[in-house]
PDB file of N, CA and C in Angstrom:
ATOM      1  N   MET A   1      16.796 -11.134  35.125  1.00  0.00           N
ATOM      2  CA  MET A   1      16.157 -10.022  35.813  1.00  0.00           C
ATOM      3  C   MET A   1      14.654 -10.106  35.563  1.00  0.00           C
ATOM      4  N   LYS A   2      13.870  -9.872  36.600  1.00  0.00           N
ATOM      5  CA  LYS A   2      12.414  -9.887  36.477  1.00  0.00           C
ATOM      6  C   LYS A   2      11.928  -8.667  35.706  1.00  0.00           C
ATOM      7  N   MET A   3      10.786  -8.836  35.073  1.00  0.00           N
ATOM      8  CA  MET A   3      10.223  -7.743  34.275  1.00  0.00           C
ATOM      9  C   MET A   3       9.988  -6.493  35.122  1.00  0.00           C
ATOM     10  N   GLN A   4       9.499  -6.669  36.342  1.00  0.00           N
ATOM     11  CA  GLN A   4       9.243  -5.484  37.169  1.00  0.00           C
ATOM     12  C   GLN A   4      10.544  -4.764  37.520  1.00  0.00           C
ATOM     13  N   GLN A   5      11.659  -5.483  37.586  1.00  0.00           N
ATOM     14  CA  GLN A   5      12.952  -4.843  37.834  1.00  0.00           C
ATOM     15  C   GLN A   5      13.440  -4.091  36.594  1.00  0.00           C
ATOM     16  N   ILE A   6      13.200  -4.661  35.420  1.00  0.00           N
ATOM     17  CA  ILE A   6      13.562  -3.994  34.164  1.00  0.00           C
ATOM     18  C   ILE A   6      12.802  -2.688  34.032  1.00  0.00           C
ATOM     19  N   VAL A   7      11.489  -2.744  34.266  1.00  0.00           N
ATOM     20  CA  VAL A   7      10.650  -1.543  34.163  1.00  0.00           C
ATOM     21  C   VAL A   7      11.125  -0.496  35.165  1.00  0.00           C
ATOM     22  N   GLY A   8      11.365  -0.905  36.386  1.00  0.00           N
ATOM     23  CA  GLY A   8      11.811   0.033  37.415  1.00  0.00           C
ATOM     24  C   GLY A   8      13.143   0.680  37.081  1.00  0.00           C
ATOM     25  N   LYS A   9      14.070  -0.121  36.585  1.00  0.00           N
ATOM     26  CA  LYS A   9      15.388   0.407  36.200  1.00  0.00           C
ATOM     27  C   LYS A   9      15.262   1.415  35.066  1.00  0.00           C
ATOM     28  N   ASN A  10      14.403   1.113  34.095  1.00  0.00           N
ATOM     29  CA  ASN A  10      14.206   2.032  32.966  1.00  0.00           C
ATOM     30  C   ASN A  10      13.531   3.322  33.400  1.00  0.00           C
ATOM     31  N   ILE A  11      12.517   3.213  34.239  1.00  0.00           N
ATOM     32  CA  ILE A  11      11.838   4.418  34.732  1.00  0.00           C
ATOM     33  C   ILE A  11      12.836   5.309  35.465  1.00  0.00           C
ATOM     34  N   LYS A  12      13.630   4.708  36.334  1.00  0.00           N
ATOM     35  CA  LYS A  12      14.616   5.496  37.084  1.00  0.00           C
ATOM     36  C   LYS A  12      15.631   6.150  36.152  1.00  0.00           C
ATOM     37  N   ALA A  13      16.103   5.406  35.151  1.00  0.00           N
ATOM     38  CA  ALA A  13      17.088   5.966  34.217  1.00  0.00           C
ATOM     39  C   ALA A  13      16.519   7.162  33.457  1.00  0.00           C
ATOM     40  N   PHE A  14      15.294   7.032  32.946  1.00  0.00           N
ATOM     41  CA  PHE A  14      14.677   8.158  32.237  1.00  0.00           C
ATOM     42  C   PHE A  14      14.409   9.321  33.185  1.00  0.00           C
ATOM     43  N   ARG A  15      13.978   9.023  34.407  1.00  0.00           N
ATOM     44  CA  ARG A  15      13.700  10.088  35.383  1.00  0.00           C
ATOM     45  C   ARG A  15      14.972  10.869  35.690  1.00  0.00           C
ATOM     46  N   LEU A  16      16.065  10.152  35.926  1.00  0.00           N
ATOM     47  CA  LEU A  16      17.330  10.828  36.239  1.00  0.00           C
ATOM     48  C   LEU A  16      17.852  11.613  35.036  1.00  0.00           C
ATOM     49  N   GLN A  17      17.681  11.060  33.849  1.00  0.00           N
ATOM     50  CA  GLN A  17      18.113  11.763  32.632  1.00  0.00           C
ATOM     51  C   GLN A  17      17.383  13.102  32.513  1.00  0.00           C
ATOM     52  N   ARG A  18      16.130  13.119  32.919  1.00  0.00           N
ATOM     53  CA  ARG A  18      15.318  14.339  32.828  1.00  0.00           C
ATOM     54  C   ARG A  18      15.439  15.214  34.072  1.00  0.00           C
ATOM     55  N   LYS A  19      16.306  14.789  34.997  1.00  0.00           N
ATOM     56  CA  LYS A  19      16.564  15.536  36.228  1.00  0.00           C
ATOM     57  C   LYS A  19      15.290  15.777  37.037  1.00  0.00           C
ATOM     58  N   LEU A  20      14.476  14.728  37.139  1.00  0.00           N
ATOM     59  CA  LEU A  20      13.254  14.782  37.931  1.00  0.00           C
ATOM     60  C   LEU A  20      13.450  14.022  39.235  1.00  0.00           C
ATOM     61  N   THR A  21      12.859  14.524  40.302  1.00  0.00           N
ATOM     62  CA  THR A  21      12.824  13.762  41.542  1.00  0.00           C
ATOM     63  C   THR A  21      11.679  12.757  41.443  1.00  0.00           C
ATOM     64  N   GLN A  22      11.670  11.804  42.361  1.00  0.00           N
ATOM     65  CA  GLN A  22      10.542  10.868  42.389  1.00  0.00           C
ATOM     66  C   GLN A  22       9.242  11.624  42.635  1.00  0.00           C
ATOM     67  N   ASN A  23       9.295  12.636  43.465  1.00  0.00           N
ATOM     68  CA  ASN A  23       8.100  13.418  43.755  1.00  0.00           C
ATOM     69  C   ASN A  23       7.603  14.160  42.510  1.00  0.00           C
ATOM     70  N   GLN A  24       8.508  14.756  41.760  1.00  0.00           N
ATOM     71  CA  GLN A  24       8.114  15.469  40.537  1.00  0.00           C
ATOM     72  C   GLN A  24       7.494  14.505  39.521  1.00  0.00           C
ATOM     73  N   LEU A  25       8.099  13.334  39.372  1.00  0.00           N
ATOM     74  CA  LEU A  25       7.532  12.343  38.465  1.00  0.00           C
ATOM     75  C   LEU A  25       6.165  11.892  38.947  1.00  0.00           C
ATOM     76  N   ALA A  26       6.038  11.668  40.240  1.00  0.00           N
ATOM     77  CA  ALA A  26       4.754  11.236  40.794  1.00  0.00           C
ATOM     78  C   ALA A  26       3.649  12.252  40.503  1.00  0.00           C
ATOM     79  N   VAL A  27       3.956  13.524  40.669  1.00  0.00           N
ATOM     80  CA  VAL A  27       2.958  14.573  40.391  1.00  0.00           C
ATOM     81  C   VAL A  27       2.568  14.542  38.916  1.00  0.00           C
ATOM     82  N   LYS A  28       3.549  14.466  38.030  1.00  0.00           N
ATOM     83  CA  LYS A  28       3.275  14.435  36.589  1.00  0.00           C
ATOM     84  C   LYS A  28       2.478  13.196  36.188  1.00  0.00           C
ATOM     85  N   ALA A  29       2.741  12.066  36.874  1.00  0.00           N
ATOM     86  CA  ALA A  29       2.097  10.802  36.527  1.00  0.00           C
ATOM     87  C   ALA A  29       0.834  10.536  37.356  1.00  0.00           C
ATOM     88  N   LYS A  30       0.449  11.523  38.162  1.00  0.00           N
ATOM     89  CA  LYS A  30      -0.747  11.391  39.013  1.00  0.00           C
ATOM     90  C   LYS A  30      -0.646  10.167  39.920  1.00  0.00           C
ATOM     91  N   SER A  31       0.487  10.066  40.590  1.00  0.00           N
ATOM     92  CA  SER A  31       0.764   8.938  41.463  1.00  0.00           C
ATOM     93  C   SER A  31       1.315   9.463  42.778  1.00  0.00           C
ATOM     94  N   HIS A  32       1.847   8.558  43.605  1.00  0.00           N
ATOM     95  CA  HIS A  32       2.445   8.942  44.880  1.00  0.00           C
ATOM     96  C   HIS A  32       3.937   8.647  44.812  1.00  0.00           C
ATOM     97  N   LYS A  33       4.738   9.501  45.428  1.00  0.00           N
ATOM     98  CA  LYS A  33       6.192   9.324  45.324  1.00  0.00           C
ATOM     99  C   LYS A  33       6.648   7.998  45.916  1.00  0.00           C
ATOM    100  N   ALA A  34       5.989   7.524  46.956  1.00  0.00           N
ATOM    101  CA  ALA A  34       6.361   6.224  47.530  1.00  0.00           C
ATOM    102  C   ALA A  34       6.102   5.104  46.523  1.00  0.00           C
ATOM    103  N   TYR A  35       5.013   5.209  45.770  1.00  0.00           N
ATOM    104  CA  TYR A  35       4.695   4.192  44.770  1.00  0.00           C
ATOM    105  C   TYR A  35       5.735   4.201  43.647  1.00  0.00           C
ATOM    106  N   ILE A  36       6.157   5.385  43.245  1.00  0.00           N
ATOM    107  CA  ILE A  36       7.218   5.488  42.231  1.00  0.00           C
ATOM    108  C   ILE A  36       8.482   4.804  42.751  1.00  0.00           C
ATOM    109  N   GLY A  37       8.805   5.007  44.006  1.00  0.00           N
ATOM    110  CA  GLY A  37       9.969   4.354  44.610  1.00  0.00           C
ATOM    111  C   GLY A  37       9.846   2.838  44.595  1.00  0.00           C
ATOM    112  N   PHE A  38       8.672   2.336  44.946  1.00  0.00           N
ATOM    113  CA  PHE A  38       8.436   0.884  44.918  1.00  0.00           C
ATOM    114  C   PHE A  38       8.620   0.333  43.502  1.00  0.00           C
ATOM    115  N   ILE A  39       8.091   1.056  42.524  1.00  0.00           N
ATOM    116  CA  ILE A  39       8.204   0.618  41.121  1.00  0.00           C
ATOM    117  C   ILE A  39       9.671   0.620  40.699  1.00  0.00           C
ATOM    118  N   GLU A  40      10.393   1.697  40.994  1.00  0.00           N
ATOM    119  CA  GLU A  40      11.796   1.806  40.587  1.00  0.00           C
ATOM    120  C   GLU A  40      12.663   0.710  41.207  1.00  0.00           C
ATOM    121  N   ARG A  41      12.315   0.276  42.408  1.00  0.00           N
ATOM    122  CA  ARG A  41      13.081  -0.785  43.058  1.00  0.00           C
ATOM    123  C   ARG A  41      12.606  -2.184  42.649  1.00  0.00           C
ATOM    124  N   GLY A  42      11.607  -2.247  41.778  1.00  0.00           N
ATOM    125  CA  GLY A  42      11.102  -3.530  41.314  1.00  0.00           C
ATOM    126  C   GLY A  42      10.265  -4.260  42.350  1.00  0.00           C
ATOM    127  N   GLU A  43       9.719  -3.521  43.298  1.00  0.00           N
ATOM    128  CA  GLU A  43       8.946  -4.120  44.383  1.00  0.00           C
ATOM    129  C   GLU A  43       7.451  -4.184  44.096  1.00  0.00           C
ATOM    130  N   ARG A  44       7.006  -3.543  43.035  1.00  0.00           N
ATOM    131  CA  ARG A  44       5.588  -3.539  42.680  1.00  0.00           C
ATOM    132  C   ARG A  44       5.428  -3.822  41.206  1.00  0.00           C
ATOM    133  N   ASN A  45       4.361  -4.555  40.892  1.00  0.00           N
ATOM    134  CA  ASN A  45       3.950  -4.703  39.502  1.00  0.00           C
ATOM    135  C   ASN A  45       3.151  -3.469  39.136  1.00  0.00           C
ATOM    136  N   VAL A  46       3.383  -2.959  37.976  1.00  0.00           N
ATOM    137  CA  VAL A  46       2.698  -1.746  37.543  1.00  0.00           C
ATOM    138  C   VAL A  46       1.649  -2.116  36.492  1.00  0.00           C
ATOM    139  N   SER A  47       0.484  -1.507  36.594  1.00  0.00           N
ATOM    140  CA  SER A  47      -0.562  -1.763  35.604  1.00  0.00           C
ATOM    141  C   SER A  47      -0.205  -1.069  34.293  1.00  0.00           C
ATOM    142  N   LEU A  48      -0.834  -1.499  33.223  1.00  0.00           N
ATOM    143  CA  LEU A  48      -0.602  -0.848  31.926  1.00  0.00           C
ATOM    144  C   LEU A  48      -1.026   0.613  31.970  1.00  0.00           C
ATOM    145  N   GLN A  49      -2.100   0.886  32.677  1.00  0.00           N
ATOM    146  CA  GLN A  49      -2.572   2.268  32.790  1.00  0.00           C
ATOM    147  C   GLN A  49      -1.522   3.138  33.494  1.00  0.00           C
ATOM    148  N   THR A  50      -0.986   2.642  34.602  1.00  0.00           N
ATOM    149  CA  THR A  50       0.035   3.396  35.331  1.00  0.00           C
ATOM    150  C   THR A  50       1.323   3.508  34.519  1.00  0.00           C
ATOM    151  N   LEU A  51       1.694   2.434  33.844  1.00  0.00           N
ATOM    152  CA  LEU A  51       2.884   2.462  32.985  1.00  0.00           C
ATOM    153  C   LEU A  51       2.743   3.544  31.919  1.00  0.00           C
ATOM    154  N   THR A  52       1.559   3.659  31.345  1.00  0.00           N
ATOM    155  CA  THR A  52       1.306   4.680  30.321  1.00  0.00           C
ATOM    156  C   THR A  52       1.372   6.080  30.912  1.00  0.00           C
ATOM    157  N   LEU A  53       0.820   6.281  32.105  1.00  0.00           N
ATOM    158  CA  LEU A  53       0.889   7.594  32.756  1.00  0.00           C
ATOM    159  C   LEU A  53       2.336   7.989  33.035  1.00  0.00           C
ATOM    160  N   ILE A  54       3.129   7.031  33.517  1.00  0.00           N
ATOM    161  CA  ILE A  54       4.539   7.313  33.810  1.00  0.00           C
ATOM    162  C   ILE A  54       5.304   7.599  32.518  1.00  0.00           C
ATOM    163  N   ALA A  55       5.056   6.795  31.492  1.00  0.00           N
ATOM    164  CA  ALA A  55       5.735   7.017  30.204  1.00  0.00           C
ATOM    165  C   ALA A  55       5.399   8.395  29.651  1.00  0.00           C
ATOM    166  N   ASN A  56       4.134   8.778  29.714  1.00  0.00           N
ATOM    167  CA  ASN A  56       3.727  10.106  29.234  1.00  0.00           C
ATOM    168  C   ASN A  56       4.400  11.208  30.045  1.00  0.00           C
ATOM    169  N   ALA A  57       4.499  11.015  31.356  1.00  0.00           N
ATOM    170  CA  ALA A  57       5.148  12.007  32.220  1.00  0.00           C
ATOM    171  C   ALA A  57       6.642  12.128  31.882  1.00  0.00           C
ATOM    172  N   LEU A  58       7.235  11.030  31.442  1.00  0.00           N
ATOM    173  CA  LEU A  58       8.652  11.041  31.063  1.00  0.00           C
ATOM    174  C   LEU A  58       8.870  11.439  29.609  1.00  0.00           C
ATOM    175  N   GLY A  59       7.784  11.481  28.828  1.00  0.00           N
ATOM    176  CA  GLY A  59       7.894  11.857  27.417  1.00  0.00           C
ATOM    177  C   GLY A  59       8.464  10.760  26.539  1.00  0.00           C
ATOM    178  N   VAL A  60       8.185   9.501  26.904  1.00  0.00           N
ATOM    179  CA  VAL A  60       8.672   8.362  26.111  1.00  0.00           C
ATOM    180  C   VAL A  60       7.497   7.431  25.796  1.00  0.00           C
ATOM    181  N   PRO A  61       7.596   6.655  24.719  1.00  0.00           N
ATOM    182  CA  PRO A  61       6.560   5.665  24.453  1.00  0.00           C
ATOM    183  C   PRO A  61       6.630   4.553  25.504  1.00  0.00           C
ATOM    184  N   PRO A  62       5.494   4.048  25.957  1.00  0.00           N
ATOM    185  CA  PRO A  62       5.480   3.023  27.006  1.00  0.00           C
ATOM    186  C   PRO A  62       6.345   1.799  26.701  1.00  0.00           C
ATOM    187  N   PHE A  63       6.446   1.404  25.431  1.00  0.00           N
ATOM    188  CA  PHE A  63       7.207   0.189  25.116  1.00  0.00           C
ATOM    189  C   PHE A  63       8.682   0.307  25.506  1.00  0.00           C
ATOM    190  N   LEU A  64       9.222   1.536  25.521  1.00  0.00           N
ATOM    191  CA  LEU A  64      10.629   1.701  25.906  1.00  0.00           C
ATOM    192  C   LEU A  64      10.875   1.301  27.358  1.00  0.00           C
ATOM    193  N   LEU A  65       9.862   1.433  28.201  1.00  0.00           N
ATOM    194  CA  LEU A  65      10.024   1.087  29.607  1.00  0.00           C
ATOM    195  C   LEU A  65      10.067  -0.421  29.812  1.00  0.00           C
ATOM    196  N   LEU A  66       9.670  -1.183  28.801  1.00  0.00           N
ATOM    197  CA  LEU A  66       9.630  -2.645  28.898  1.00  0.00           C
ATOM    198  C   LEU A  66      10.874  -3.325  28.331  1.00  0.00           C
ATOM    199  N   MET A  67      11.720  -2.586  27.661  1.00  0.00           N
ATOM    200  CA  MET A  67      12.859  -3.172  26.960  1.00  0.00           C
ATOM    201  C   MET A  67      14.051  -3.341  27.901  1.00  0.00           C
ATOM    202  N   PRO A  68      14.595  -4.569  27.992  1.00  0.00           N
ATOM    203  CA  PRO A  68      15.677  -4.848  28.941  1.00  0.00           C
ATOM    204  C   PRO A  68      16.931  -3.992  28.778  1.00  0.00           C
ATOM    205  N   GLU A  69      17.315  -3.661  27.580  1.00  0.00           N
ATOM    206  CA  GLU A  69      18.595  -2.974  27.383  1.00  0.00           C
ATOM    207  C   GLU A  69      18.497  -1.448  27.382  1.00  0.00           C
ATOM    208  N   VAL A  70      17.333  -0.889  27.510  1.00  0.00           N
ATOM    209  CA  VAL A  70      17.150   0.567  27.383  1.00  0.00           C
ATOM    210  C   VAL A  70      17.977   1.345  28.397  1.00  0.00           C
ATOM    211  N   SER A  71      17.951   0.954  29.646  1.00  0.00           N
ATOM    212  CA  SER A  71      18.659   1.731  30.654  1.00  0.00           C
ATOM    213  C   SER A  71      20.175   1.746  30.438  1.00  0.00           C
ATOM    214  N   ASP A  72      20.682   0.794  29.667  1.00  0.00           N
ATOM    215  CA  ASP A  72      22.113   0.756  29.374  1.00  0.00           C
ATOM    216  C   ASP A  72      22.569   1.879  28.447  1.00  0.00           C
ATOM    217  N   TRP A  73      21.671   2.370  27.571  1.00  0.00           N
ATOM    218  CA  TRP A  73      22.085   3.429  26.651  1.00  0.00           C
ATOM    219  C   TRP A  73      21.504   4.790  26.980  1.00  0.00           C
ATOM    220  N   ILE A  74      20.832   4.903  28.128  1.00  0.00           N
ATOM    221  CA  ILE A  74      20.316   6.211  28.572  1.00  0.00           C
ATOM    222  C   ILE A  74      21.413   6.902  29.371  1.00  0.00           C
ATOM    223  N   GLU A  75      21.792   8.053  28.960  1.00  0.00           N
ATOM    224  CA  GLU A  75      22.793   8.843  29.699  1.00  0.00           C
ATOM    225  C   GLU A  75      22.501  10.296  29.531  1.00  0.00           C
TER     226      GLU A  75
END
């Protein structure tokens, strides 16, 4: 799996765990909901700055979004 797919899968898992819509996450992360969708589907590379904004909006340390197995234990 590509790194951008791992990041996207983890972001989506944390977002769903927190019961946030893509739009709600986008507002919290100062982004656009379409961009969040692209990231979650692994269609865009995310900058470190954006990764940090998204992690802060989700209330997790940024490194968790980079770990391949994280989405497997998020429920």
